[in-house]
Each structure stands twice: as C-alpha cells, then as structure tokens.
Protein backbone atom coordinates (compact mmCIF):
# COMPACT_ATOMS: atom_id res chain seq x y z
CA MET A 1 9.85 19.24 5.27
CA ILE A 2 10.25 15.56 5.18
CA ALA A 3 10.64 13.47 1.80
CA VAL A 4 9.78 9.81 2.08
CA SER A 5 10.51 7.08 0.17
CA VAL A 6 8.10 3.98 0.95
CA THR A 7 8.67 1.16 -1.67
CA PHE A 8 7.70 -2.75 -1.70
CA ARG A 9 8.42 -5.70 -4.32
CA LEU A 10 5.98 -6.94 -5.73
CA PRO A 11 4.55 -10.70 -5.87
CA ALA A 12 4.15 -10.51 -9.57
CA SER A 13 5.35 -7.84 -12.34
CA VAL A 14 1.49 -5.25 -12.58
CA ALA A 15 1.06 -3.32 -15.83
CA LEU A 16 0.78 0.75 -15.50
CA GLU A 17 -2.47 0.74 -16.29
CA ASP A 18 -3.27 -1.40 -13.22
CA MET A 19 -1.02 0.27 -11.02
CA LYS A 20 -3.32 3.31 -12.64
CA ARG A 21 -6.74 1.90 -10.96
CA ILE A 22 -5.09 0.48 -7.64
CA SER A 23 -3.83 4.11 -7.31
CA LEU A 24 -6.89 5.74 -8.15
CA GLY A 25 -8.80 3.57 -5.53
CA THR A 26 -6.26 4.49 -2.33
CA ALA A 27 -6.03 8.11 -3.45
CA GLU A 28 -8.83 10.09 -2.17
CA LYS A 29 -8.34 8.81 1.40
CA TYR A 30 -4.97 10.59 1.55
CA ARG A 31 -6.62 14.03 0.76
CA LYS A 32 -6.89 15.22 4.43
CA VAL A 33 -4.16 13.50 5.87
CA PRO A 34 -2.24 16.06 8.72
CA GLY A 35 0.34 17.67 7.60
CA LEU A 36 0.64 15.27 3.98
CA ILE A 37 1.76 18.30 1.24
CA ARG A 38 1.62 16.05 -1.65
CA LYS A 39 1.93 11.93 -2.62
CA TYR A 40 3.17 10.53 -5.57
CA TYR A 41 2.73 7.16 -6.47
CA VAL A 42 5.54 5.34 -8.00
CA ARG A 43 6.03 2.07 -9.67
CA SER A 44 9.23 0.27 -11.37
CA GLU A 45 9.11 1.14 -15.16
CA ASP A 46 9.35 -3.25 -15.21
CA GLY A 47 6.43 -3.55 -12.87
CA ALA A 48 8.37 -5.36 -9.70
CA THR A 49 8.09 -2.28 -7.58
CA ALA A 50 5.51 -0.05 -6.52
CA GLY A 51 5.09 2.81 -3.09
CA GLY A 52 4.86 6.27 -2.95
CA ILE A 53 6.78 9.33 -2.83
CA TYR A 54 5.69 11.81 0.04
CA LEU A 55 6.06 14.95 0.88
CA TRP A 56 4.91 15.92 4.41
CA LYS A 57 5.52 19.41 6.56
CA SER A 58 7.13 17.30 9.82
CA ARG A 59 8.64 14.19 10.37
CA ALA A 60 5.86 13.42 13.59
CA ALA A 61 3.26 14.47 10.44
CA ALA A 62 4.53 11.17 8.28
CA GLU A 63 5.32 8.88 11.38
CA ALA A 64 1.02 9.24 12.30
CA LEU A 65 0.98 7.62 9.13
CA TYR A 66 2.83 5.14 9.31
CA THR A 67 1.78 3.17 12.17
CA ASP A 68 2.15 -0.83 12.28
CA ASP A 69 -1.40 -0.79 11.35
CA TRP A 70 -0.38 0.37 8.29
CA ARG A 71 2.27 -1.13 7.84
CA LYS A 72 0.16 -4.37 7.73
CA THR A 73 -2.16 -2.84 5.50
CA VAL A 74 0.01 -2.45 2.98
CA GLN A 75 1.57 -5.66 3.57
CA ALA A 76 -1.51 -7.70 3.00
CA ALA A 77 -2.53 -5.25 -0.06
CA TYR A 78 0.49 -5.69 -1.32
CA GLY A 79 1.84 -9.39 -0.19
CA CYS A 80 5.05 -8.13 1.28
CA ALA A 81 6.29 -5.44 4.09
CA PRO A 82 6.94 -1.46 2.77
CA SER A 83 10.54 0.04 3.14
CA ILE A 84 10.85 3.00 4.52
CA THR A 85 13.31 5.72 3.70
CA TYR A 86 13.04 9.51 5.55
CA PHE A 87 14.56 12.60 4.34
CA ASP A 88 15.50 15.54 5.07
CA CYS A 89 13.73 18.18 2.58
CA PRO A 90 14.92 21.40 2.66
CA VAL A 91 14.11 23.45 -0.56
CA VAL A 92 11.36 21.92 -3.40
CA VAL A 93 11.27 23.33 -6.72
CA ASP A 94 7.93 23.73 -7.65
CA ASN A 95 7.74 24.13 -11.45
CA LEU A 96 3.30 23.86 -11.54
CA SER A 97 3.22 27.11 -9.57
CA GLY A 98 6.67 29.14 -10.23
CA GLN A 99 7.61 28.50 -6.83
CA ILE A 100 10.28 27.70 -4.91
CA VAL A 101 9.89 26.19 -1.48
CA ASP A 102 12.13 26.46 1.51
CA GLN A 103 11.84 25.20 5.03
CA ALA A 104 11.20 27.63 7.60
C-alpha cells in the first residue's frame, strides 16, 4: 500500500463549512478510481492549507491519478500547484472495521 499526502496553500482562508461543501462536490468522482482504497479531505485549522490523504493499492495506481491534467485542475480550482508526497504504508490500523491490515 502507498499513502499520499497532497496539500496546497489556499489564496485565502476557507471556513470549515465551505471546505465541507467543496469536498462533497468532488467526492463522488473518487468513488471508482482504480486502486484507491480511501481518501480523506483535509484542511488546516486556520483554513490556509487544504488537500487530501489518500491510501492506494500501489504507487502506479496513485500516479495514474496525479497527471499533469489533474495538477492543472487543482491549480485552477485552488490557485496554486499541489505538493505531493508518497509514503510506504506497510500497516493500517482500521478501528472502524476492527482490522489491522498489512501490506501483502
């Protein structure tokens, strides 16, 4: 598994309710992305930074989403280019399902 942190500085602070509305407006398109296990929409407490934390089956699946067109879309929507950081994710503790998942 691969975890990816995507962040971008916002041109102006965004309230939590506004970020929730924006996130719900784009969430559906991530439901069937191949290889995506989970996506968390995130916003810093001061509303100046936003992004997502993604859990992927593989780096190849992640890279298939983060194309130049995707980056341009993010930049157009939020006013700045995203920063993308990849992490190996060997173990996930999932308290909702009561499971500990290890990378096979």
